[in-house]
Amino acid sequence: LRVRVLADEPRSGEALSLAEALEGCGVEADVRLGDDIVVSDRVHPDAVVVDVGVPTGELAEYCRGLSLHPLVVAVAEPDDWEGRERARAAGYDLVVTRPLVAERLIERLCEKLPGMRA
């Protein structure tokens, strides 16, 4: 399982901690922060976790271009019902809430990605 975490600068510490925890669970994880979010490379993630202020449809579409069929995940605050609905309407495949726990995130990803195992 390969996961890319995209985050804006205010969430950089959280994103790095999540990637480290994912790797501790056997997941290949990398992080792109701030302006590096849209930097392309040869990594083709199975899932992209988007942890930015407002996850837009344009960003969801960009994430879909990173791989053949990546699962695109938005992160929302637990009490932000409107934010969750906006993310769903913007085309995110899954919306998760804080606090992010690596093991639980992996379970959710594997539920949505048949045949994937961490």
PDB file of N, CA and C in Angstrom:
ATOM      1  N   LEU A   1       0.857  -1.182   0.000  1.00  0.00           N
ATOM      2  CA  LEU A   1       0.000   0.000   0.000  1.00  0.00           C
ATOM      3  C   LEU A   1       0.894   1.233   0.000  1.00  0.00           C
ATOM      4  N   ARG A   2       0.684   2.120  -0.956  1.00  0.00           N
ATOM      5  CA  ARG A   2       1.438   3.377  -1.050  1.00  0.00           C
ATOM      6  C   ARG A   2       0.479   4.545  -0.813  1.00  0.00           C
ATOM      7  N   VAL A   3       0.838   5.404   0.148  1.00  0.00           N
ATOM      8  CA  VAL A   3      -0.012   6.537   0.510  1.00  0.00           C
ATOM      9  C   VAL A   3       0.801   7.814   0.432  1.00  0.00           C
ATOM     10  N   ARG A   4       0.238   8.807  -0.233  1.00  0.00           N
ATOM     11  CA  ARG A   4       0.833  10.144  -0.251  1.00  0.00           C
ATOM     12  C   ARG A   4      -0.041  11.032   0.621  1.00  0.00           C
ATOM     13  N   VAL A   5       0.587  11.836   1.458  1.00  0.00           N
ATOM     14  CA  VAL A   5      -0.119  12.788   2.309  1.00  0.00           C
ATOM     15  C   VAL A   5       0.205  14.186   1.793  1.00  0.00           C
ATOM     16  N   LEU A   6      -0.825  14.926   1.420  1.00  0.00           N
ATOM     17  CA  LEU A   6      -0.675  16.316   0.980  1.00  0.00           C
ATOM     18  C   LEU A   6      -1.196  17.211   2.097  1.00  0.00           C
ATOM     19  N   ALA A   7      -0.404  18.208   2.474  1.00  0.00           N
ATOM     20  CA  ALA A   7      -0.835  19.083   3.567  1.00  0.00           C
ATOM     21  C   ALA A   7      -0.356  20.503   3.332  1.00  0.00           C
ATOM     22  N   ASP A   8      -1.113  21.462   3.856  1.00  0.00           N
ATOM     23  CA  ASP A   8      -0.639  22.835   3.835  1.00  0.00           C
ATOM     24  C   ASP A   8       0.283  23.034   5.036  1.00  0.00           C
ATOM     25  N   GLU A   9       0.986  24.142   5.055  1.00  0.00           N
ATOM     26  CA  GLU A   9       2.005  24.382   6.085  1.00  0.00           C
ATOM     27  C   GLU A   9       1.484  24.265   7.529  1.00  0.00           C
ATOM     28  N   PRO A  10       0.289  24.797   7.852  1.00  0.00           N
ATOM     29  CA  PRO A  10      -0.177  24.676   9.239  1.00  0.00           C
ATOM     30  C   PRO A  10      -0.355  23.228   9.705  1.00  0.00           C
ATOM     31  N   ARG A  11      -0.522  22.303   8.784  1.00  0.00           N
ATOM     32  CA  ARG A  11      -0.740  20.897   9.129  1.00  0.00           C
ATOM     33  C   ARG A  11       0.503  20.036   8.886  1.00  0.00           C
ATOM     34  N   SER A  12       1.646  20.665   8.644  1.00  0.00           N
ATOM     35  CA  SER A  12       2.848  19.916   8.265  1.00  0.00           C
ATOM     36  C   SER A  12       3.295  18.929   9.336  1.00  0.00           C
ATOM     37  N   GLY A  13       3.287  19.332  10.593  1.00  0.00           N
ATOM     38  CA  GLY A  13       3.703  18.427  11.663  1.00  0.00           C
ATOM     39  C   GLY A  13       2.811  17.214  11.759  1.00  0.00           C
ATOM     40  N   GLU A  14       1.515  17.441  11.650  1.00  0.00           N
ATOM     41  CA  GLU A  14       0.539  16.349  11.697  1.00  0.00           C
ATOM     42  C   GLU A  14       0.733  15.396  10.520  1.00  0.00           C
ATOM     43  N   ALA A  15       0.989  15.970   9.326  1.00  0.00           N
ATOM     44  CA  ALA A  15       1.181  15.155   8.123  1.00  0.00           C
ATOM     45  C   ALA A  15       2.436  14.289   8.248  1.00  0.00           C
ATOM     46  N   LEU A  16       3.507  14.864   8.735  1.00  0.00           N
ATOM     47  CA  LEU A  16       4.748  14.105   8.899  1.00  0.00           C
ATOM     48  C   LEU A  16       4.578  12.999   9.939  1.00  0.00           C
ATOM     49  N   SER A  17       3.883  13.295  11.022  1.00  0.00           N
ATOM     50  CA  SER A  17       3.625  12.275  12.049  1.00  0.00           C
ATOM     51  C   SER A  17       2.773  11.138  11.496  1.00  0.00           C
ATOM     52  N   LEU A  18       1.758  11.483  10.693  1.00  0.00           N
ATOM     53  CA  LEU A  18       0.905  10.461  10.095  1.00  0.00           C
ATOM     54  C   LEU A  18       1.719   9.570   9.170  1.00  0.00           C
ATOM     55  N   ALA A  19       2.542  10.161   8.321  1.00  0.00           N
ATOM     56  CA  ALA A  19       3.360   9.366   7.399  1.00  0.00           C
ATOM     57  C   ALA A  19       4.298   8.436   8.166  1.00  0.00           C
ATOM     58  N   GLU A  20       4.888   8.931   9.234  1.00  0.00           N
ATOM     59  CA  GLU A  20       5.776   8.109  10.052  1.00  0.00           C
ATOM     60  C   GLU A  20       5.005   6.952  10.687  1.00  0.00           C
ATOM     61  N   ALA A  21       3.817   7.227  11.197  1.00  0.00           N
ATOM     62  CA  ALA A  21       2.998   6.174  11.809  1.00  0.00           C
ATOM     63  C   ALA A  21       2.563   5.152  10.765  1.00  0.00           C
ATOM     64  N   LEU A  22       2.217   5.608   9.562  1.00  0.00           N
ATOM     65  CA  LEU A  22       1.843   4.690   8.485  1.00  0.00           C
ATOM     66  C   LEU A  22       3.007   3.774   8.137  1.00  0.00           C
ATOM     67  N   GLU A  23       4.195   4.353   8.030  1.00  0.00           N
ATOM     68  CA  GLU A  23       5.377   3.541   7.726  1.00  0.00           C
ATOM     69  C   GLU A  23       5.636   2.522   8.830  1.00  0.00           C
ATOM     70  N   GLY A  24       5.378   2.909  10.080  1.00  0.00           N
ATOM     71  CA  GLY A  24       5.520   1.984  11.195  1.00  0.00           C
ATOM     72  C   GLY A  24       4.568   0.801  11.096  1.00  0.00           C
ATOM     73  N   CYS A  25       3.497   0.975  10.334  1.00  0.00           N
ATOM     74  CA  CYS A  25       2.513  -0.096  10.121  1.00  0.00           C
ATOM     75  C   CYS A  25       2.766  -0.863   8.823  1.00  0.00           C
ATOM     76  N   GLY A  26       3.875  -0.563   8.167  1.00  0.00           N
ATOM     77  CA  GLY A  26       4.222  -1.287   6.949  1.00  0.00           C
ATOM     78  C   GLY A  26       3.739  -0.663   5.654  1.00  0.00           C
ATOM     79  N   VAL A  27       3.245   0.568   5.722  1.00  0.00           N
ATOM     80  CA  VAL A  27       2.761   1.268   4.534  1.00  0.00           C
ATOM     81  C   VAL A  27       3.876   2.148   3.993  1.00  0.00           C
ATOM     82  N   GLU A  28       4.019   2.191   2.680  1.00  0.00           N
ATOM     83  CA  GLU A  28       4.960   3.104   2.046  1.00  0.00           C
ATOM     84  C   GLU A  28       4.280   4.476   1.988  1.00  0.00           C
ATOM     85  N   ALA A  29       4.823   5.458   2.687  1.00  0.00           N
ATOM     86  CA  ALA A  29       4.173   6.769   2.778  1.00  0.00           C
ATOM     87  C   ALA A  29       5.159   7.883   2.468  1.00  0.00           C
ATOM     88  N   ASP A  30       4.656   8.925   1.820  1.00  0.00           N
ATOM     89  CA  ASP A  30       5.456  10.125   1.622  1.00  0.00           C
ATOM     90  C   ASP A  30       4.572  11.344   1.804  1.00  0.00           C
ATOM     91  N   VAL A  31       5.201  12.490   1.983  1.00  0.00           N
ATOM     92  CA  VAL A  31       4.485  13.727   2.296  1.00  0.00           C
ATOM     93  C   VAL A  31       4.894  14.809   1.311  1.00  0.00           C
ATOM     94  N   ARG A  32       3.927  15.605   0.897  1.00  0.00           N
ATOM     95  CA  ARG A  32       4.177  16.816   0.117  1.00  0.00           C
ATOM     96  C   ARG A  32       3.515  17.960   0.870  1.00  0.00           C
ATOM     97  N   LEU A  33       4.277  19.037   1.083  1.00  0.00           N
ATOM     98  CA  LEU A  33       3.793  20.171   1.880  1.00  0.00           C
ATOM     99  C   LEU A  33       3.763  21.453   1.073  1.00  0.00           C
ATOM    100  N   GLY A  34       2.823  22.326   1.416  1.00  0.00           N
ATOM    101  CA  GLY A  34       2.768  23.669   0.845  1.00  0.00           C
ATOM    102  C   GLY A  34       2.851  23.684  -0.662  1.00  0.00           C
ATOM    103  N   ASP A  35       3.812  24.429  -1.190  1.00  0.00           N
ATOM    104  CA  ASP A  35       3.967  24.572  -2.639  1.00  0.00           C
ATOM    105  C   ASP A  35       4.384  23.278  -3.321  1.00  0.00           C
ATOM    106  N   ASP A  36       4.937  22.321  -2.583  1.00  0.00           N
ATOM    107  CA  ASP A  36       5.358  21.047  -3.167  1.00  0.00           C
ATOM    108  C   ASP A  36       4.202  20.083  -3.389  1.00  0.00           C
ATOM    109  N   ILE A  37       2.988  20.475  -3.010  1.00  0.00           N
ATOM    110  CA  ILE A  37       1.824  19.603  -3.177  1.00  0.00           C
ATOM    111  C   ILE A  37       1.666  19.197  -4.636  1.00  0.00           C
ATOM    112  N   VAL A  38       1.869  20.106  -5.551  1.00  0.00           N
ATOM    113  CA  VAL A  38       1.622  19.813  -6.961  1.00  0.00           C
ATOM    114  C   VAL A  38       2.871  19.395  -7.722  1.00  0.00           C
ATOM    115  N   VAL A  39       3.932  19.056  -7.026  1.00  0.00           N
ATOM    116  CA  VAL A  39       5.142  18.579  -7.686  1.00  0.00           C
ATOM    117  C   VAL A  39       4.927  17.129  -8.098  1.00  0.00           C
ATOM    118  N   SER A  40       5.119  16.854  -9.378  1.00  0.00           N
ATOM    119  CA  SER A  40       4.952  15.493  -9.883  1.00  0.00           C
ATOM    120  C   SER A  40       6.245  14.714  -9.739  1.00  0.00           C
ATOM    121  N   ASP A  41       6.106  13.423  -9.607  1.00  0.00           N
ATOM    122  CA  ASP A  41       7.264  12.541  -9.582  1.00  0.00           C
ATOM    123  C   ASP A  41       6.820  11.171 -10.063  1.00  0.00           C
ATOM    124  N   ARG A  42       7.659  10.185  -9.864  1.00  0.00           N
ATOM    125  CA  ARG A  42       7.356   8.850 -10.386  1.00  0.00           C
ATOM    126  C   ARG A  42       6.630   7.953  -9.403  1.00  0.00           C
ATOM    127  N   VAL A  43       6.311   8.451  -8.231  1.00  0.00           N
ATOM    128  CA  VAL A  43       5.575   7.647  -7.259  1.00  0.00           C
ATOM    129  C   VAL A  43       4.107   7.625  -7.674  1.00  0.00           C
ATOM    130  N   HIS A  44       3.524   6.457  -7.680  1.00  0.00           N
ATOM    131  CA  HIS A  44       2.116   6.308  -8.051  1.00  0.00           C
ATOM    132  C   HIS A  44       1.363   5.746  -6.844  1.00  0.00           C
ATOM    133  N   PRO A  45       0.803   6.635  -6.016  1.00  0.00           N
ATOM    134  CA  PRO A  45       0.157   6.173  -4.777  1.00  0.00           C
ATOM    135  C   PRO A  45      -1.158   5.455  -5.019  1.00  0.00           C
ATOM    136  N   ASP A  46      -1.464   4.541  -4.098  1.00  0.00           N
ATOM    137  CA  ASP A  46      -2.762   3.871  -4.105  1.00  0.00           C
ATOM    138  C   ASP A  46      -3.824   4.774  -3.483  1.00  0.00           C
ATOM    139  N   ALA A  47      -3.381   5.646  -2.574  1.00  0.00           N
ATOM    140  CA  ALA A  47      -4.289   6.575  -1.900  1.00  0.00           C
ATOM    141  C   ALA A  47      -3.563   7.893  -1.661  1.00  0.00           C
ATOM    142  N   VAL A  48      -4.326   8.982  -1.706  1.00  0.00           N
ATOM    143  CA  VAL A  48      -3.794  10.304  -1.433  1.00  0.00           C
ATOM    144  C   VAL A  48      -4.661  10.913  -0.339  1.00  0.00           C
ATOM    145  N   VAL A  49      -4.025  11.264   0.776  1.00  0.00           N
ATOM    146  CA  VAL A  49      -4.720  11.886   1.902  1.00  0.00           C
ATOM    147  C   VAL A  49      -4.492  13.384   1.800  1.00  0.00           C
ATOM    148  N   VAL A  50      -5.562  14.153   1.679  1.00  0.00           N
ATOM    149  CA  VAL A  50      -5.491  15.597   1.493  1.00  0.00           C
ATOM    150  C   VAL A  50      -5.878  16.291   2.790  1.00  0.00           C
ATOM    151  N   ASP A  51      -4.903  16.956   3.404  1.00  0.00           N
ATOM    152  CA  ASP A  51      -5.133  17.646   4.669  1.00  0.00           C
ATOM    153  C   ASP A  51      -4.803  19.128   4.482  1.00  0.00           C
ATOM    154  N   VAL A  52      -5.729  19.825   3.839  1.00  0.00           N
ATOM    155  CA  VAL A  52      -5.580  21.261   3.585  1.00  0.00           C
ATOM    156  C   VAL A  52      -6.820  21.964   4.110  1.00  0.00           C
ATOM    157  N   GLY A  53      -6.769  23.278   4.212  1.00  0.00           N
ATOM    158  CA  GLY A  53      -7.893  24.037   4.752  1.00  0.00           C
ATOM    159  C   GLY A  53      -9.213  23.713   4.098  1.00  0.00           C
ATOM    160  N   VAL A  54      -9.298  23.861   2.785  1.00  0.00           N
ATOM    161  CA  VAL A  54     -10.527  23.568   2.044  1.00  0.00           C
ATOM    162  C   VAL A  54     -10.164  22.639   0.885  1.00  0.00           C
ATOM    163  N   PRO A  55     -10.502  21.362   0.982  1.00  0.00           N
ATOM    164  CA  PRO A  55     -10.188  20.436  -0.102  1.00  0.00           C
ATOM    165  C   PRO A  55     -11.098  20.686  -1.306  1.00  0.00           C
ATOM    166  N   THR A  56     -10.522  21.158  -2.384  1.00  0.00           N
ATOM    167  CA  THR A  56     -11.297  21.550  -3.569  1.00  0.00           C
ATOM    168  C   THR A  56     -11.420  20.407  -4.572  1.00  0.00           C
ATOM    169  N   GLY A  57     -12.354  20.559  -5.464  1.00  0.00           N
ATOM    170  CA  GLY A  57     -12.520  19.605  -6.547  1.00  0.00           C
ATOM    171  C   GLY A  57     -11.309  19.580  -7.460  1.00  0.00           C
ATOM    172  N   GLU A  58     -10.687  20.743  -7.677  1.00  0.00           N
ATOM    173  CA  GLU A  58      -9.492  20.807  -8.524  1.00  0.00           C
ATOM    174  C   GLU A  58      -8.369  19.985  -7.915  1.00  0.00           C
ATOM    175  N   LEU A  59      -8.222  20.054  -6.601  1.00  0.00           N
ATOM    176  CA  LEU A  59      -7.183  19.279  -5.932  1.00  0.00           C
ATOM    177  C   LEU A  59      -7.507  17.784  -6.001  1.00  0.00           C
ATOM    178  N   ALA A  60      -8.763  17.420  -5.868  1.00  0.00           N
ATOM    179  CA  ALA A  60      -9.165  16.013  -5.998  1.00  0.00           C
ATOM    180  C   ALA A  60      -8.825  15.491  -7.386  1.00  0.00           C
ATOM    181  N   GLU A  61      -9.097  16.289  -8.407  1.00  0.00           N
ATOM    182  CA  GLU A  61      -8.780  15.884  -9.784  1.00  0.00           C
ATOM    183  C   GLU A  61      -7.281  15.755  -9.988  1.00  0.00           C
ATOM    184  N   TYR A  62      -6.503  16.683  -9.428  1.00  0.00           N
ATOM    185  CA  TYR A  62      -5.045  16.587  -9.503  1.00  0.00           C
ATOM    186  C   TYR A  62      -4.587  15.264  -8.886  1.00  0.00           C
ATOM    187  N   CYS A  63      -5.131  14.916  -7.726  1.00  0.00           N
ATOM    188  CA  CYS A  63      -4.751  13.685  -7.029  1.00  0.00           C
ATOM    189  C   CYS A  63      -5.073  12.460  -7.869  1.00  0.00           C
ATOM    190  N   ARG A  64      -6.180  12.496  -8.573  1.00  0.00           N
ATOM    191  CA  ARG A  64      -6.558  11.366  -9.428  1.00  0.00           C
ATOM    192  C   ARG A  64      -5.546  11.167 -10.547  1.00  0.00           C
ATOM    193  N   GLY A  65      -4.869  12.219 -10.953  1.00  0.00           N
ATOM    194  CA  GLY A  65      -3.859  12.119 -12.002  1.00  0.00           C
ATOM    195  C   GLY A  65      -2.525  11.562 -11.531  1.00  0.00           C
ATOM    196  N   LEU A  66      -2.376  11.342 -10.232  1.00  0.00           N
ATOM    197  CA  LEU A  66      -1.110  10.838  -9.696  1.00  0.00           C
ATOM    198  C   LEU A  66      -0.919   9.344  -9.924  1.00  0.00           C
ATOM    199  N   SER A  67      -1.996   8.635 -10.197  1.00  0.00           N
ATOM    200  CA  SER A  67      -1.940   7.191 -10.309  1.00  0.00           C
ATOM    201  C   SER A  67      -3.109   6.727 -11.164  1.00  0.00           C
ATOM    202  N   LEU A  68      -3.175   5.432 -11.427  1.00  0.00           N
ATOM    203  CA  LEU A  68      -4.236   4.908 -12.276  1.00  0.00           C
ATOM    204  C   LEU A  68      -5.619   5.132 -11.665  1.00  0.00           C
ATOM    205  N   HIS A  69      -5.842   4.676 -10.456  1.00  0.00           N
ATOM    206  CA  HIS A  69      -7.119   4.872  -9.764  1.00  0.00           C
ATOM    207  C   HIS A  69      -6.880   5.072  -8.276  1.00  0.00           C
ATOM    208  N   PRO A  70      -6.253   6.163  -7.894  1.00  0.00           N
ATOM    209  CA  PRO A  70      -5.997   6.336  -6.462  1.00  0.00           C
ATOM    210  C   PRO A  70      -7.276   6.685  -5.707  1.00  0.00           C
ATOM    211  N   LEU A  71      -7.321   6.253  -4.468  1.00  0.00           N
ATOM    212  CA  LEU A  71      -8.399   6.639  -3.567  1.00  0.00           C
ATOM    213  C   LEU A  71      -8.032   8.020  -3.030  1.00  0.00           C
ATOM    214  N   VAL A  72      -8.913   8.988  -3.181  1.00  0.00           N
ATOM    215  CA  VAL A  72      -8.632  10.353  -2.751  1.00  0.00           C
ATOM    216  C   VAL A  72      -9.419  10.635  -1.475  1.00  0.00           C
ATOM    217  N   VAL A  73      -8.676  10.962  -0.406  1.00  0.00           N
ATOM    218  CA  VAL A  73      -9.231  11.076   0.942  1.00  0.00           C
ATOM    219  C   VAL A  73      -9.082  12.509   1.449  1.00  0.00           C
ATOM    220  N   ALA A  74     -10.162  13.089   1.931  1.00  0.00           N
ATOM    221  CA  ALA A  74     -10.117  14.420   2.552  1.00  0.00           C
ATOM    222  C   ALA A  74     -10.122  14.261   4.062  1.00  0.00           C
ATOM    223  N   VAL A  75      -9.414  15.156   4.738  1.00  0.00           N
ATOM    224  CA  VAL A  75      -9.389  15.175   6.200  1.00  0.00           C
ATOM    225  C   VAL A  75     -10.226  16.357   6.670  1.00  0.00           C
ATOM    226  N   ALA A  76     -11.124  16.109   7.635  1.00  0.00           N
ATOM    227  CA  ALA A  76     -11.998  17.153   8.165  1.00  0.00           C
ATOM    228  C   ALA A  76     -11.941  17.153   9.691  1.00  0.00           C
ATOM    229  N   GLU A  77     -12.360  18.249  10.242  1.00  0.00           N
ATOM    230  CA  GLU A  77     -12.488  18.326  11.702  1.00  0.00           C
ATOM    231  C   GLU A  77     -13.704  17.504  12.108  1.00  0.00           C
ATOM    232  N   PRO A  78     -13.692  16.899  13.289  1.00  0.00           N
ATOM    233  CA  PRO A  78     -14.804  16.034  13.689  1.00  0.00           C
ATOM    234  C   PRO A  78     -16.157  16.736  13.753  1.00  0.00           C
ATOM    235  N   ASP A  79     -16.170  18.025  14.049  1.00  0.00           N
ATOM    236  CA  ASP A  79     -17.445  18.738  14.174  1.00  0.00           C
ATOM    237  C   ASP A  79     -17.785  19.577  12.942  1.00  0.00           C
ATOM    238  N   ASP A  80     -17.049  19.401  11.856  1.00  0.00           N
ATOM    239  CA  ASP A  80     -17.275  20.191  10.639  1.00  0.00           C
ATOM    240  C   ASP A  80     -18.114  19.409   9.626  1.00  0.00           C
ATOM    241  N   TRP A  81     -19.416  19.351   9.892  1.00  0.00           N
ATOM    242  CA  TRP A  81     -20.320  18.614   9.010  1.00  0.00           C
ATOM    243  C   TRP A  81     -20.378  19.239   7.625  1.00  0.00           C
ATOM    244  N   GLU A  82     -20.372  20.554   7.552  1.00  0.00           N
ATOM    245  CA  GLU A  82     -20.414  21.233   6.254  1.00  0.00           C
ATOM    246  C   GLU A  82     -19.155  20.947   5.454  1.00  0.00           C
ATOM    247  N   GLY A  83     -18.007  20.943   6.118  1.00  0.00           N
ATOM    248  CA  GLY A  83     -16.745  20.636   5.449  1.00  0.00           C
ATOM    249  C   GLY A  83     -16.735  19.224   4.882  1.00  0.00           C
ATOM    250  N   ARG A  84     -17.297  18.295   5.623  1.00  0.00           N
ATOM    251  CA  ARG A  84     -17.385  16.917   5.125  1.00  0.00           C
ATOM    252  C   ARG A  84     -18.250  16.846   3.869  1.00  0.00           C
ATOM    253  N   GLU A  85     -19.384  17.528   3.917  1.00  0.00           N
ATOM    254  CA  GLU A  85     -20.279  17.524   2.754  1.00  0.00           C
ATOM    255  C   GLU A  85     -19.635  18.213   1.552  1.00  0.00           C
ATOM    256  N   ARG A  86     -18.915  19.316   1.797  1.00  0.00           N
ATOM    257  CA  ARG A  86     -18.209  19.992   0.692  1.00  0.00           C
ATOM    258  C   ARG A  86     -17.185  19.061   0.059  1.00  0.00           C
ATOM    259  N   ALA A  87     -16.448  18.320   0.882  1.00  0.00           N
ATOM    260  CA  ALA A  87     -15.437  17.391   0.357  1.00  0.00           C
ATOM    261  C   ALA A  87     -16.096  16.290  -0.472  1.00  0.00           C
ATOM    262  N   ARG A  88     -17.196  15.753   0.026  1.00  0.00           N
ATOM    263  CA  ARG A  88     -17.907  14.718  -0.739  1.00  0.00           C
ATOM    264  C   ARG A  88     -18.414  15.282  -2.063  1.00  0.00           C
ATOM    265  N   ALA A  89     -18.982  16.492  -2.009  1.00  0.00           N
ATOM    266  CA  ALA A  89     -19.497  17.124  -3.227  1.00  0.00           C
ATOM    267  C   ALA A  89     -18.371  17.464  -4.203  1.00  0.00           C
ATOM    268  N   ALA A  90     -17.170  17.700  -3.686  1.00  0.00           N
ATOM    269  CA  ALA A  90     -16.017  18.028  -4.532  1.00  0.00           C
ATOM    270  C   ALA A  90     -15.410  16.782  -5.168  1.00  0.00           C
ATOM    271  N   GLY A  91     -15.908  15.602  -4.796  1.00  0.00           N
ATOM    272  CA  GLY A  91     -15.463  14.387  -5.452  1.00  0.00           C
ATOM    273  C   GLY A  91     -14.480  13.519  -4.694  1.00  0.00           C
ATOM    274  N   TYR A  92     -14.295  13.778  -3.409  1.00  0.00           N
ATOM    275  CA  TYR A  92     -13.397  12.936  -2.618  1.00  0.00           C
ATOM    276  C   TYR A  92     -14.064  11.586  -2.378  1.00  0.00           C
ATOM    277  N   ASP A  93     -13.286  10.525  -2.447  1.00  0.00           N
ATOM    278  CA  ASP A  93     -13.815   9.179  -2.300  1.00  0.00           C
ATOM    279  C   ASP A  93     -14.137   8.833  -0.853  1.00  0.00           C
ATOM    280  N   LEU A  94     -13.416   9.452   0.065  1.00  0.00           N
ATOM    281  CA  LEU A  94     -13.555   9.147   1.478  1.00  0.00           C
ATOM    282  C   LEU A  94     -13.239  10.410   2.264  1.00  0.00           C
ATOM    283  N   VAL A  95     -13.975  10.627   3.338  1.00  0.00           N
ATOM    284  CA  VAL A  95     -13.698  11.746   4.241  1.00  0.00           C
ATOM    285  C   VAL A  95     -13.452  11.147   5.624  1.00  0.00           C
ATOM    286  N   VAL A  96     -12.291  11.473   6.191  1.00  0.00           N
ATOM    287  CA  VAL A  96     -11.945  11.004   7.536  1.00  0.00           C
ATOM    288  C   VAL A  96     -11.814  12.213   8.445  1.00  0.00           C
ATOM    289  N   THR A  97     -11.944  11.975   9.742  1.00  0.00           N
ATOM    290  CA  THR A  97     -11.865  13.085  10.691  1.00  0.00           C
ATOM    291  C   THR A  97     -10.697  12.895  11.655  1.00  0.00           C
ATOM    292  N   ARG A  98     -10.298  14.009  12.234  1.00  0.00           N
ATOM    293  CA  ARG A  98      -9.256  13.995  13.250  1.00  0.00           C
ATOM    294  C   ARG A  98      -9.819  13.423  14.535  1.00  0.00           C
ATOM    295  N   PRO A  99      -9.003  12.878  15.373  1.00  0.00           N
ATOM    296  CA  PRO A  99      -7.576  12.654  15.189  1.00  0.00           C
ATOM    297  C   PRO A  99      -7.344  11.470  14.255  1.00  0.00           C
ATOM    298  N   LEU A 100      -6.316  11.589  13.413  1.00  0.00           N
ATOM    299  CA  LEU A 100      -5.986  10.522  12.477  1.00  0.00           C
ATOM    300  C   LEU A 100      -5.132   9.467  13.184  1.00  0.00           C
ATOM    301  N   VAL A 101      -5.619   8.256  13.157  1.00  0.00           N
ATOM    302  CA  VAL A 101      -4.902   7.122  13.739  1.00  0.00           C
ATOM    303  C   VAL A 101      -4.508   6.224  12.574  1.00  0.00           C
ATOM    304  N   ALA A 102      -3.220   5.980  12.434  1.00  0.00           N
ATOM    305  CA  ALA A 102      -2.703   5.262  11.272  1.00  0.00           C
ATOM    306  C   ALA A 102      -3.399   3.915  11.060  1.00  0.00           C
ATOM    307  N   GLU A 103      -3.539   3.133  12.106  1.00  0.00           N
ATOM    308  CA  GLU A 103      -4.145   1.810  11.970  1.00  0.00           C
ATOM    309  C   GLU A 103      -5.586   1.896  11.461  1.00  0.00           C
ATOM    310  N   ARG A 104      -6.331   2.834  11.993  1.00  0.00           N
ATOM    311  CA  ARG A 104      -7.732   2.995  11.554  1.00  0.00           C
ATOM    312  C   ARG A 104      -7.797   3.500  10.113  1.00  0.00           C
ATOM    313  N   LEU A 105      -6.912   4.414   9.751  1.00  0.00           N
ATOM    314  CA  LEU A 105      -6.871   4.913   8.377  1.00  0.00           C
ATOM    315  C   LEU A 105      -6.549   3.775   7.417  1.00  0.00           C
ATOM    316  N   ILE A 106      -5.601   2.937   7.777  1.00  0.00           N
ATOM    317  CA  ILE A 106      -5.244   1.793   6.929  1.00  0.00           C
ATOM    318  C   ILE A 106      -6.446   0.871   6.746  1.00  0.00           C
ATOM    319  N   GLU A 107      -7.177   0.601   7.819  1.00  0.00           N
ATOM    320  CA  GLU A 107      -8.386  -0.229   7.722  1.00  0.00           C
ATOM    321  C   GLU A 107      -9.378   0.368   6.734  1.00  0.00           C
ATOM    322  N   ARG A 108      -9.611   1.680   6.857  1.00  0.00           N
ATOM    323  CA  ARG A 108     -10.566   2.352   5.961  1.00  0.00           C
ATOM    324  C   ARG A 108     -10.093   2.294   4.511  1.00  0.00           C
ATOM    325  N   LEU A 109      -8.788   2.499   4.297  1.00  0.00           N
ATOM    326  CA  LEU A 109      -8.238   2.448   2.941  1.00  0.00           C
ATOM    327  C   LEU A 109      -8.391   1.048   2.345  1.00  0.00           C
ATOM    328  N   CYS A 110      -8.073   0.037   3.131  1.00  0.00           N
ATOM    329  CA  CYS A 110      -8.164  -1.341   2.640  1.00  0.00           C
ATOM    330  C   CYS A 110      -9.608  -1.754   2.367  1.00  0.00           C
ATOM    331  N   GLU A 111     -10.565  -1.191   3.107  1.00  0.00           N
ATOM    332  CA  GLU A 111     -11.977  -1.450   2.834  1.00  0.00           C
ATOM    333  C   GLU A 111     -12.358  -0.919   1.447  1.00  0.00           C
ATOM    334  N   LYS A 112     -11.786   0.223   1.090  1.00  0.00           N
ATOM    335  CA  LYS A 112     -12.133   0.873  -0.178  1.00  0.00           C
ATOM    336  C   LYS A 112     -11.261   0.409  -1.346  1.00  0.00           C
ATOM    337  N   LEU A 113     -10.115  -0.195  -1.056  1.00  0.00           N
ATOM    338  CA  LEU A 113      -9.189  -0.651  -2.093  1.00  0.00           C
ATOM    339  C   LEU A 113      -9.112  -2.171  -2.043  1.00  0.00           C
ATOM    340  N   PRO A 114     -10.009  -2.866  -2.715  1.00  0.00           N
ATOM    341  CA  PRO A 114     -10.009  -4.318  -2.669  1.00  0.00           C
ATOM    342  C   PRO A 114      -8.647  -4.887  -3.090  1.00  0.00           C
ATOM    343  N   GLY A 115      -8.229  -5.896  -2.346  1.00  0.00           N
ATOM    344  CA  GLY A 115      -6.970  -6.552  -2.675  1.00  0.00           C
ATOM    345  C   GLY A 115      -5.751  -5.893  -2.051  1.00  0.00           C
ATOM    346  N   MET A 116      -5.917  -4.744  -1.408  1.00  0.00           N
ATOM    347  CA  MET A 116      -4.787  -4.051  -0.783  1.00  0.00           C
ATOM    348  C   MET A 116      -4.619  -4.535   0.639  1.00  0.00           C
ATOM    349  N   ARG A 117      -3.378  -4.672   1.027  1.00  0.00           N
ATOM    350  CA  ARG A 117      -3.051  -5.016   2.403  1.00  0.00           C
ATOM    351  C   ARG A 117      -1.852  -4.185   2.804  1.00  0.00           C
ATOM    352  N   ALA A 118      -1.829  -3.778   4.042  1.00  0.00           N
ATOM    353  CA  ALA A 118      -0.706  -2.999   4.546  1.00  0.00           C
ATOM    354  C   ALA A 118       0.457  -3.918   4.870  1.00  0.00           C
TER     355      ALA A 118
END
